[in-house]
Amino acid sequence: MKTVHVAAGIIRKEGSDELLAVQRGYGDMQGLWEFPGGKLMRGETPEDAVRRELMEELQVKVTNLRDFYTVEYDYPDFHLSMECYY
């Protein structure tokens, strides 16, 4: 089974329990909620990928990145390996 490697950023509003999530507007998972992030490019570390994706998607420069959790999940067509950073 094909494995898709993804990095995601969990962004919390300071002083609150509110998290930033976005709703997909396209593809097979349209309408579902996700944390900002995306697929790793060839030779890219998960940390570099989440920094790149947050800059591309939100124009956010990450200064304090902490490893949070790795999600492993089997979809019917692929295996997802998602490194989450806080």
PDB file of N, CA and C in Angstrom:
ATOM      1  N   MET A   1       0.848  -1.182   0.000  1.00  0.00           N
ATOM      2  CA  MET A   1       0.000   0.000   0.000  1.00  0.00           C
ATOM      3  C   MET A   1       0.890   1.242   0.000  1.00  0.00           C
ATOM      4  N   LYS A   2       0.507   2.236  -0.758  1.00  0.00           N
ATOM      5  CA  LYS A   2       1.247   3.485  -0.855  1.00  0.00           C
ATOM      6  C   LYS A   2       1.152   4.250   0.459  1.00  0.00           C
ATOM      7  N   THR A   3       2.269   4.826   0.908  1.00  0.00           N
ATOM      8  CA  THR A   3       2.284   5.663   2.107  1.00  0.00           C
ATOM      9  C   THR A   3       2.439   7.117   1.700  1.00  0.00           C
ATOM     10  N   VAL A   4       1.581   7.964   2.247  1.00  0.00           N
ATOM     11  CA  VAL A   4       1.651   9.405   2.018  1.00  0.00           C
ATOM     12  C   VAL A   4       2.175  10.045   3.296  1.00  0.00           C
ATOM     13  N   HIS A   5       3.304  10.758   3.188  1.00  0.00           N
ATOM     14  CA  HIS A   5       3.916  11.436   4.338  1.00  0.00           C
ATOM     15  C   HIS A   5       3.505  12.900   4.336  1.00  0.00           C
ATOM     16  N   VAL A   6       2.935  13.328   5.465  1.00  0.00           N
ATOM     17  CA  VAL A   6       2.390  14.680   5.601  1.00  0.00           C
ATOM     18  C   VAL A   6       2.895  15.290   6.903  1.00  0.00           C
ATOM     19  N   ALA A   7       3.043  16.608   6.916  1.00  0.00           N
ATOM     20  CA  ALA A   7       3.358  17.346   8.140  1.00  0.00           C
ATOM     21  C   ALA A   7       2.266  18.380   8.353  1.00  0.00           C
ATOM     22  N   ALA A   8       1.811  18.534   9.591  1.00  0.00           N
ATOM     23  CA  ALA A   8       0.738  19.468   9.905  1.00  0.00           C
ATOM     24  C   ALA A   8       1.106  20.309  11.117  1.00  0.00           C
ATOM     25  N   GLY A   9       0.616  21.539  11.115  1.00  0.00           N
ATOM     26  CA  GLY A   9       0.859  22.452  12.225  1.00  0.00           C
ATOM     27  C   GLY A   9      -0.393  22.653  13.051  1.00  0.00           C
ATOM     28  N   ILE A  10      -0.268  22.484  14.355  1.00  0.00           N
ATOM     29  CA  ILE A  10      -1.380  22.733  15.280  1.00  0.00           C
ATOM     30  C   ILE A  10      -1.118  24.101  15.903  1.00  0.00           C
ATOM     31  N   ILE A  11      -1.976  25.049  15.572  1.00  0.00           N
ATOM     32  CA  ILE A  11      -1.790  26.425  16.011  1.00  0.00           C
ATOM     33  C   ILE A  11      -2.897  26.767  17.004  1.00  0.00           C
ATOM     34  N   ARG A  12      -2.475  27.168  18.205  1.00  0.00           N
ATOM     35  CA  ARG A  12      -3.426  27.509  19.274  1.00  0.00           C
ATOM     36  C   ARG A  12      -3.373  29.005  19.531  1.00  0.00           C
ATOM     37  N   LYS A  13      -4.544  29.586  19.677  1.00  0.00           N
ATOM     38  CA  LYS A  13      -4.637  31.002  20.035  1.00  0.00           C
ATOM     39  C   LYS A  13      -4.110  31.170  21.455  1.00  0.00           C
ATOM     40  N   GLU A  14      -3.173  32.099  21.630  1.00  0.00           N
ATOM     41  CA  GLU A  14      -2.550  32.315  22.933  1.00  0.00           C
ATOM     42  C   GLU A  14      -3.589  32.643  23.994  1.00  0.00           C
ATOM     43  N   GLY A  15      -3.478  31.956  25.130  1.00  0.00           N
ATOM     44  CA  GLY A  15      -4.389  32.188  26.243  1.00  0.00           C
ATOM     45  C   GLY A  15      -5.763  31.564  26.050  1.00  0.00           C
ATOM     46  N   SER A  16      -5.889  30.651  25.096  1.00  0.00           N
ATOM     47  CA  SER A  16      -7.189  30.069  24.775  1.00  0.00           C
ATOM     48  C   SER A  16      -7.019  28.593  24.426  1.00  0.00           C
ATOM     49  N   ASP A  17      -8.124  27.870  24.379  1.00  0.00           N
ATOM     50  CA  ASP A  17      -8.116  26.481  23.915  1.00  0.00           C
ATOM     51  C   ASP A  17      -8.483  26.385  22.437  1.00  0.00           C
ATOM     52  N   GLU A  18      -8.649  27.525  21.762  1.00  0.00           N
ATOM     53  CA  GLU A  18      -9.035  27.544  20.353  1.00  0.00           C
ATOM     54  C   GLU A  18      -7.871  27.121  19.464  1.00  0.00           C
ATOM     55  N   LEU A  19      -8.173  26.229  18.497  1.00  0.00           N
ATOM     56  CA  LEU A  19      -7.187  25.762  17.526  1.00  0.00           C
ATOM     57  C   LEU A  19      -7.593  26.223  16.138  1.00  0.00           C
ATOM     58  N   LEU A  20      -6.595  26.419  15.273  1.00  0.00           N
ATOM     59  CA  LEU A  20      -6.854  26.798  13.892  1.00  0.00           C
ATOM     60  C   LEU A  20      -7.019  25.539  13.054  1.00  0.00           C
ATOM     61  N   ALA A  21      -8.147  25.423  12.380  1.00  0.00           N
ATOM     62  CA  ALA A  21      -8.399  24.326  11.448  1.00  0.00           C
ATOM     63  C   ALA A  21      -9.015  24.929  10.199  1.00  0.00           C
ATOM     64  N   VAL A  22      -8.809  24.258   9.075  1.00  0.00           N
ATOM     65  CA  VAL A  22      -9.356  24.735   7.809  1.00  0.00           C
ATOM     66  C   VAL A  22     -10.233  23.652   7.203  1.00  0.00           C
ATOM     67  N   GLN A  23     -11.242  24.078   6.456  1.00  0.00           N
ATOM     68  CA  GLN A  23     -12.151  23.130   5.822  1.00  0.00           C
ATOM     69  C   GLN A  23     -11.744  22.979   4.358  1.00  0.00           C
ATOM     70  N   ARG A  24     -11.525  21.718   3.952  1.00  0.00           N
ATOM     71  CA  ARG A  24     -11.111  21.453   2.576  1.00  0.00           C
ATOM     72  C   ARG A  24     -12.217  21.847   1.609  1.00  0.00           C
ATOM     73  N   GLY A  25     -11.807  22.467   0.507  1.00  0.00           N
ATOM     74  CA  GLY A  25     -12.777  22.894  -0.490  1.00  0.00           C
ATOM     75  C   GLY A  25     -12.696  22.107  -1.788  1.00  0.00           C
ATOM     76  N   TYR A  26     -11.936  21.002  -1.783  1.00  0.00           N
ATOM     77  CA  TYR A  26     -11.729  20.257  -3.026  1.00  0.00           C
ATOM     78  C   TYR A  26     -11.399  18.799  -2.723  1.00  0.00           C
ATOM     79  N   GLY A  27     -11.424  17.972  -3.752  1.00  0.00           N
ATOM     80  CA  GLY A  27     -10.966  16.585  -3.655  1.00  0.00           C
ATOM     81  C   GLY A  27     -11.938  15.642  -2.981  1.00  0.00           C
ATOM     82  N   ASP A  28     -11.438  14.415  -2.772  1.00  0.00           N
ATOM     83  CA  ASP A  28     -12.251  13.355  -2.180  1.00  0.00           C
ATOM     84  C   ASP A  28     -12.682  13.663  -0.746  1.00  0.00           C
ATOM     85  N   MET A  29     -11.934  14.507  -0.059  1.00  0.00           N
ATOM     86  CA  MET A  29     -12.234  14.808   1.335  1.00  0.00           C
ATOM     87  C   MET A  29     -12.811  16.208   1.502  1.00  0.00           C
ATOM     88  N   GLN A  30     -13.426  16.723   0.441  1.00  0.00           N
ATOM     89  CA  GLN A  30     -14.037  18.050   0.463  1.00  0.00           C
ATOM     90  C   GLN A  30     -15.027  18.162   1.621  1.00  0.00           C
ATOM     91  N   GLY A  31     -14.965  19.282   2.328  1.00  0.00           N
ATOM     92  CA  GLY A  31     -15.879  19.533   3.436  1.00  0.00           C
ATOM     93  C   GLY A  31     -15.359  19.070   4.785  1.00  0.00           C
ATOM     94  N   LEU A  32     -14.302  18.266   4.795  1.00  0.00           N
ATOM     95  CA  LEU A  32     -13.733  17.801   6.062  1.00  0.00           C
ATOM     96  C   LEU A  32     -12.778  18.854   6.621  1.00  0.00           C
ATOM     97  N   TRP A  33     -12.530  18.777   7.912  1.00  0.00           N
ATOM     98  CA  TRP A  33     -11.650  19.736   8.594  1.00  0.00           C
ATOM     99  C   TRP A  33     -10.261  19.153   8.757  1.00  0.00           C
ATOM    100  N   GLU A  34      -9.243  20.027   8.691  1.00  0.00           N
ATOM    101  CA  GLU A  34      -7.852  19.588   8.833  1.00  0.00           C
ATOM    102  C   GLU A  34      -7.006  20.719   9.396  1.00  0.00           C
ATOM    103  N   PHE A  35      -5.852  20.338   9.918  1.00  0.00           N
ATOM    104  CA  PHE A  35      -4.868  21.330  10.328  1.00  0.00           C
ATOM    105  C   PHE A  35      -4.084  21.747   9.089  1.00  0.00           C
ATOM    106  N   PRO A  36      -3.576  22.986   9.056  1.00  0.00           N
ATOM    107  CA  PRO A  36      -2.796  23.405   7.898  1.00  0.00           C
ATOM    108  C   PRO A  36      -1.512  22.589   7.795  1.00  0.00           C
ATOM    109  N   GLY A  37      -1.127  22.281   6.578  1.00  0.00           N
ATOM    110  CA  GLY A  37       0.075  21.505   6.326  1.00  0.00           C
ATOM    111  C   GLY A  37      -0.015  20.852   4.961  1.00  0.00           C
ATOM    112  N   GLY A  38       0.826  19.864   4.726  1.00  0.00           N
ATOM    113  CA  GLY A  38       0.795  19.195   3.435  1.00  0.00           C
ATOM    114  C   GLY A  38       1.862  18.138   3.297  1.00  0.00           C
ATOM    115  N   LYS A  39       1.956  17.607   2.094  1.00  0.00           N
ATOM    116  CA  LYS A  39       2.887  16.525   1.793  1.00  0.00           C
ATOM    117  C   LYS A  39       4.331  17.001   1.842  1.00  0.00           C
ATOM    118  N   LEU A  40       5.201  16.087   2.260  1.00  0.00           N
ATOM    119  CA  LEU A  40       6.626  16.358   2.263  1.00  0.00           C
ATOM    120  C   LEU A  40       7.149  16.283   0.830  1.00  0.00           C
ATOM    121  N   MET A  41       8.052  17.197   0.489  1.00  0.00           N
ATOM    122  CA  MET A  41       8.741  17.141  -0.788  1.00  0.00           C
ATOM    123  C   MET A  41       9.926  16.193  -0.655  1.00  0.00           C
ATOM    124  N   ARG A  42      10.391  15.674  -1.776  1.00  0.00           N
ATOM    125  CA  ARG A  42      11.528  14.747  -1.761  1.00  0.00           C
ATOM    126  C   ARG A  42      12.725  15.381  -1.047  1.00  0.00           C
ATOM    127  N   GLY A  43      13.288  14.667  -0.070  1.00  0.00           N
ATOM    128  CA  GLY A  43      14.454  15.123   0.669  1.00  0.00           C
ATOM    129  C   GLY A  43      14.157  16.117   1.778  1.00  0.00           C
ATOM    130  N   GLU A  44      12.902  16.450   1.992  1.00  0.00           N
ATOM    131  CA  GLU A  44      12.511  17.437   2.993  1.00  0.00           C
ATOM    132  C   GLU A  44      12.199  16.744   4.320  1.00  0.00           C
ATOM    133  N   THR A  45      12.627  17.334   5.423  1.00  0.00           N
ATOM    134  CA  THR A  45      12.269  16.798   6.735  1.00  0.00           C
ATOM    135  C   THR A  45      10.842  17.225   7.061  1.00  0.00           C
ATOM    136  N   PRO A  46      10.167  16.501   7.951  1.00  0.00           N
ATOM    137  CA  PRO A  46       8.825  16.930   8.358  1.00  0.00           C
ATOM    138  C   PRO A  46       8.812  18.336   8.960  1.00  0.00           C
ATOM    139  N   GLU A  47       9.853  18.682   9.721  1.00  0.00           N
ATOM    140  CA  GLU A  47       9.930  20.020  10.320  1.00  0.00           C
ATOM    141  C   GLU A  47      10.017  21.091   9.242  1.00  0.00           C
ATOM    142  N   ASP A  48      10.861  20.847   8.222  1.00  0.00           N
ATOM    143  CA  ASP A  48      10.983  21.808   7.123  1.00  0.00           C
ATOM    144  C   ASP A  48       9.674  21.899   6.348  1.00  0.00           C
ATOM    145  N   ALA A  49       9.005  20.772   6.163  1.00  0.00           N
ATOM    146  CA  ALA A  49       7.745  20.758   5.417  1.00  0.00           C
ATOM    147  C   ALA A  49       6.672  21.577   6.118  1.00  0.00           C
ATOM    148  N   VAL A  50       6.533  21.410   7.425  1.00  0.00           N
ATOM    149  CA  VAL A  50       5.485  22.159   8.129  1.00  0.00           C
ATOM    150  C   VAL A  50       5.818  23.654   8.124  1.00  0.00           C
ATOM    151  N   ARG A  51       7.083  24.002   8.238  1.00  0.00           N
ATOM    152  CA  ARG A  51       7.460  25.423   8.158  1.00  0.00           C
ATOM    153  C   ARG A  51       7.123  25.991   6.775  1.00  0.00           C
ATOM    154  N   ARG A  52       7.466  25.247   5.728  1.00  0.00           N
ATOM    155  CA  ARG A  52       7.181  25.680   4.357  1.00  0.00           C
ATOM    156  C   ARG A  52       5.675  25.818   4.126  1.00  0.00           C
ATOM    157  N   GLU A  53       4.918  24.800   4.534  1.00  0.00           N
ATOM    158  CA  GLU A  53       3.474  24.812   4.313  1.00  0.00           C
ATOM    159  C   GLU A  53       2.790  25.949   5.060  1.00  0.00           C
ATOM    160  N   LEU A  54       3.188  26.206   6.296  1.00  0.00           N
ATOM    161  CA  LEU A  54       2.578  27.299   7.057  1.00  0.00           C
ATOM    162  C   LEU A  54       2.897  28.657   6.435  1.00  0.00           C
ATOM    163  N   MET A  55       4.094  28.790   5.879  1.00  0.00           N
ATOM    164  CA  MET A  55       4.442  30.033   5.193  1.00  0.00           C
ATOM    165  C   MET A  55       3.620  30.172   3.910  1.00  0.00           C
ATOM    166  N   GLU A  56       3.514  29.084   3.135  1.00  0.00           N
ATOM    167  CA  GLU A  56       2.766  29.125   1.873  1.00  0.00           C
ATOM    168  C   GLU A  56       1.275  29.369   2.100  1.00  0.00           C
ATOM    169  N   GLU A  57       0.687  28.670   3.055  1.00  0.00           N
ATOM    170  CA  GLU A  57      -0.762  28.719   3.251  1.00  0.00           C
ATOM    171  C   GLU A  57      -1.228  29.918   4.067  1.00  0.00           C
ATOM    172  N   LEU A  58      -0.430  30.310   5.069  1.00  0.00           N
ATOM    173  CA  LEU A  58      -0.890  31.318   6.021  1.00  0.00           C
ATOM    174  C   LEU A  58       0.035  32.524   6.161  1.00  0.00           C
ATOM    175  N   GLN A  59       1.184  32.505   5.461  1.00  0.00           N
ATOM    176  CA  GLN A  59       2.207  33.540   5.609  1.00  0.00           C
ATOM    177  C   GLN A  59       2.641  33.668   7.069  1.00  0.00           C
ATOM    178  N   VAL A  60       2.802  32.506   7.720  1.00  0.00           N
ATOM    179  CA  VAL A  60       3.213  32.438   9.123  1.00  0.00           C
ATOM    180  C   VAL A  60       4.621  31.880   9.183  1.00  0.00           C
ATOM    181  N   LYS A  61       5.526  32.625   9.827  1.00  0.00           N
ATOM    182  CA  LYS A  61       6.888  32.145  10.030  1.00  0.00           C
ATOM    183  C   LYS A  61       6.952  31.492  11.406  1.00  0.00           C
ATOM    184  N   VAL A  62       7.304  30.212  11.424  1.00  0.00           N
ATOM    185  CA  VAL A  62       7.339  29.452  12.670  1.00  0.00           C
ATOM    186  C   VAL A  62       8.670  29.697  13.377  1.00  0.00           C
ATOM    187  N   THR A  63       8.583  30.072  14.659  1.00  0.00           N
ATOM    188  CA  THR A  63       9.798  30.317  15.437  1.00  0.00           C
ATOM    189  C   THR A  63       9.997  29.285  16.540  1.00  0.00           C
ATOM    190  N   ASN A  64       8.930  28.638  16.979  1.00  0.00           N
ATOM    191  CA  ASN A  64       9.034  27.681  18.077  1.00  0.00           C
ATOM    192  C   ASN A  64       8.207  26.443  17.717  1.00  0.00           C
ATOM    193  N   LEU A  65       8.839  25.474  17.101  1.00  0.00           N
ATOM    194  CA  LEU A  65       8.152  24.276  16.613  1.00  0.00           C
ATOM    195  C   LEU A  65       8.455  23.117  17.558  1.00  0.00           C
ATOM    196  N   ARG A  66       7.385  22.456  18.026  1.00  0.00           N
ATOM    197  CA  ARG A  66       7.564  21.312  18.929  1.00  0.00           C
ATOM    198  C   ARG A  66       6.858  20.093  18.368  1.00  0.00           C
ATOM    199  N   ASP A  67       7.557  18.959  18.390  1.00  0.00           N
ATOM    200  CA  ASP A  67       6.973  17.689  17.968  1.00  0.00           C
ATOM    201  C   ASP A  67       5.802  17.378  18.895  1.00  0.00           C
ATOM    202  N   PHE A  68       4.650  16.997  18.311  1.00  0.00           N
ATOM    203  CA  PHE A  68       3.473  16.752  19.128  1.00  0.00           C
ATOM    204  C   PHE A  68       3.020  15.292  19.060  1.00  0.00           C
ATOM    205  N   TYR A  69       2.745  14.791  17.843  1.00  0.00           N
ATOM    206  CA  TYR A  69       2.184  13.448  17.716  1.00  0.00           C
ATOM    207  C   TYR A  69       2.299  13.002  16.263  1.00  0.00           C
ATOM    208  N   THR A  70       2.442  11.705  16.046  1.00  0.00           N
ATOM    209  CA  THR A  70       2.424  11.148  14.694  1.00  0.00           C
ATOM    210  C   THR A  70       1.177  10.288  14.539  1.00  0.00           C
ATOM    211  N   VAL A  71       0.389  10.621  13.521  1.00  0.00           N
ATOM    212  CA  VAL A  71      -0.827   9.873  13.208  1.00  0.00           C
ATOM    213  C   VAL A  71      -0.512   8.857  12.115  1.00  0.00           C
ATOM    214  N   GLU A  72      -0.873   7.608  12.343  1.00  0.00           N
ATOM    215  CA  GLU A  72      -0.758   6.556  11.336  1.00  0.00           C
ATOM    216  C   GLU A  72      -2.175   6.049  11.089  1.00  0.00           C
ATOM    217  N   TYR A  73      -2.636   6.109   9.825  1.00  0.00           N
ATOM    218  CA  TYR A  73      -4.011   5.729   9.531  1.00  0.00           C
ATOM    219  C   TYR A  73      -4.101   5.106   8.143  1.00  0.00           C
ATOM    220  N   ASP A  74      -4.832   4.011   8.031  1.00  0.00           N
ATOM    221  CA  ASP A  74      -5.029   3.349   6.749  1.00  0.00           C
ATOM    222  C   ASP A  74      -6.354   3.764   6.125  1.00  0.00           C
ATOM    223  N   TYR A  75      -6.266   4.470   5.006  1.00  0.00           N
ATOM    224  CA  TYR A  75      -7.424   4.743   4.163  1.00  0.00           C
ATOM    225  C   TYR A  75      -7.546   3.574   3.186  1.00  0.00           C
ATOM    226  N   PRO A  76      -8.655   3.457   2.463  1.00  0.00           N
ATOM    227  CA  PRO A  76      -8.794   2.335   1.523  1.00  0.00           C
ATOM    228  C   PRO A  76      -7.699   2.296   0.447  1.00  0.00           C
ATOM    229  N   ASP A  77      -7.226   3.483   0.007  1.00  0.00           N
ATOM    230  CA  ASP A  77      -6.274   3.539  -1.101  1.00  0.00           C
ATOM    231  C   ASP A  77      -4.836   3.843  -0.706  1.00  0.00           C
ATOM    232  N   PHE A  78      -4.604   4.249   0.540  1.00  0.00           N
ATOM    233  CA  PHE A  78      -3.245   4.617   0.953  1.00  0.00           C
ATOM    234  C   PHE A  78      -3.124   4.617   2.471  1.00  0.00           C
ATOM    235  N   HIS A  79      -1.878   4.604   2.939  1.00  0.00           N
ATOM    236  CA  HIS A  79      -1.575   4.724   4.366  1.00  0.00           C
ATOM    237  C   HIS A  79      -1.107   6.159   4.609  1.00  0.00           C
ATOM    238  N   LEU A  80      -1.669   6.827   5.606  1.00  0.00           N
ATOM    239  CA  LEU A  80      -1.290   8.182   5.971  1.00  0.00           C
ATOM    240  C   LEU A  80      -0.338   8.129   7.156  1.00  0.00           C
ATOM    241  N   SER A  81       0.792   8.814   7.008  1.00  0.00           N
ATOM    242  CA  SER A  81       1.717   9.025   8.118  1.00  0.00           C
ATOM    243  C   SER A  81       1.841  10.535   8.262  1.00  0.00           C
ATOM    244  N   MET A  82       1.222  11.078   9.331  1.00  0.00           N
ATOM    245  CA  MET A  82       1.166  12.537   9.505  1.00  0.00           C
ATOM    246  C   MET A  82       1.873  12.953  10.795  1.00  0.00           C
ATOM    247  N   GLU A  83       2.958  13.695  10.610  1.00  0.00           N
ATOM    248  CA  GLU A  83       3.708  14.242  11.734  1.00  0.00           C
ATOM    249  C   GLU A  83       3.064  15.569  12.120  1.00  0.00           C
ATOM    250  N   CYS A  84       2.613  15.669  13.362  1.00  0.00           N
ATOM    251  CA  CYS A  84       1.960  16.886  13.833  1.00  0.00           C
ATOM    252  C   CYS A  84       2.907  17.650  14.744  1.00  0.00           C
ATOM    253  N   TYR A  85       2.944  18.962  14.532  1.00  0.00           N
ATOM    254  CA  TYR A  85       3.801  19.863  15.316  1.00  0.00           C
ATOM    255  C   TYR A  85       2.940  20.951  15.925  1.00  0.00           C
ATOM    256  N   TYR A  86       3.335  21.359  17.108  1.00  0.00           N
ATOM    257  CA  TYR A  86       2.605  22.369  17.866  1.00  0.00           C
ATOM    258  C   TYR A  86       3.406  23.657  17.814  1.00  0.00           C
TER     259      TYR A  86
END
